[in-house]
């Protein structure tokens, strides 16, 4: 028998979503080690859902990154997305909703504490998002995934802000003179709760603009662009 010590309703509360078709939830939580132990039983493991969930998560996270970082180039966005959807990060999110308590494992994996393995947790999270997508549609899956990744996105944005491009630029342009990079706010867009700032930076004859959800982020974005121009290596 599968070992599921926690009520699936608890998991649904973590997701903020209740399944119409409970069979999709059951499949998302069914590891191949359990399905393979059922001779003659047509139970499907969560592997096909995992495949679909990977695509849904990449789309959702990519959308959120582009929305939050309107000026970042493709390469930077790709690196940020990779940092958010890797196995370790997905497993951490799975642990935050106690997903391991609900995964149906075979005897060997149960004995080996498979519910704590990063690979099993990350795969189950992908399958779970796919199950939400198939049960409730993309808008619902988007909302659920966005909620699950909110903390990880916040951490990533804070790290990006703290990556001090302004200091790097200041150190680069110091040449014994007192001339320093000059930042000025040249525009604001959007409502107060979702405002985007545009900042202009003048340095060494170059003028670049940055954008962000705060003046600090916009200044950092402008400094990053200036560094790419002045020191393309």
Foldseek 3Di string as FASTA:
>chain_A
DFQQPDDVVLLCVLLVHDFPDVVLVLQLQEAVQVVVVDPPDPRHHLQVLLVVLLVLLLVLLLVVLCLQFVPDDPVVSVVLSCVCLDLVNLLVLLVVSPVLSGHGHHPVCVVVVVSNDSVSSSSSSSSNLSSCCVRPNSVSSSVSSCVSCVVVVVVSVVVLLVPALQVVLQVVQDDPDPDHKDKDWDDWDDDPVAIKTKIWIDDPNDIDIAIGSDPSRRVRRRSVVVCCVVPVD
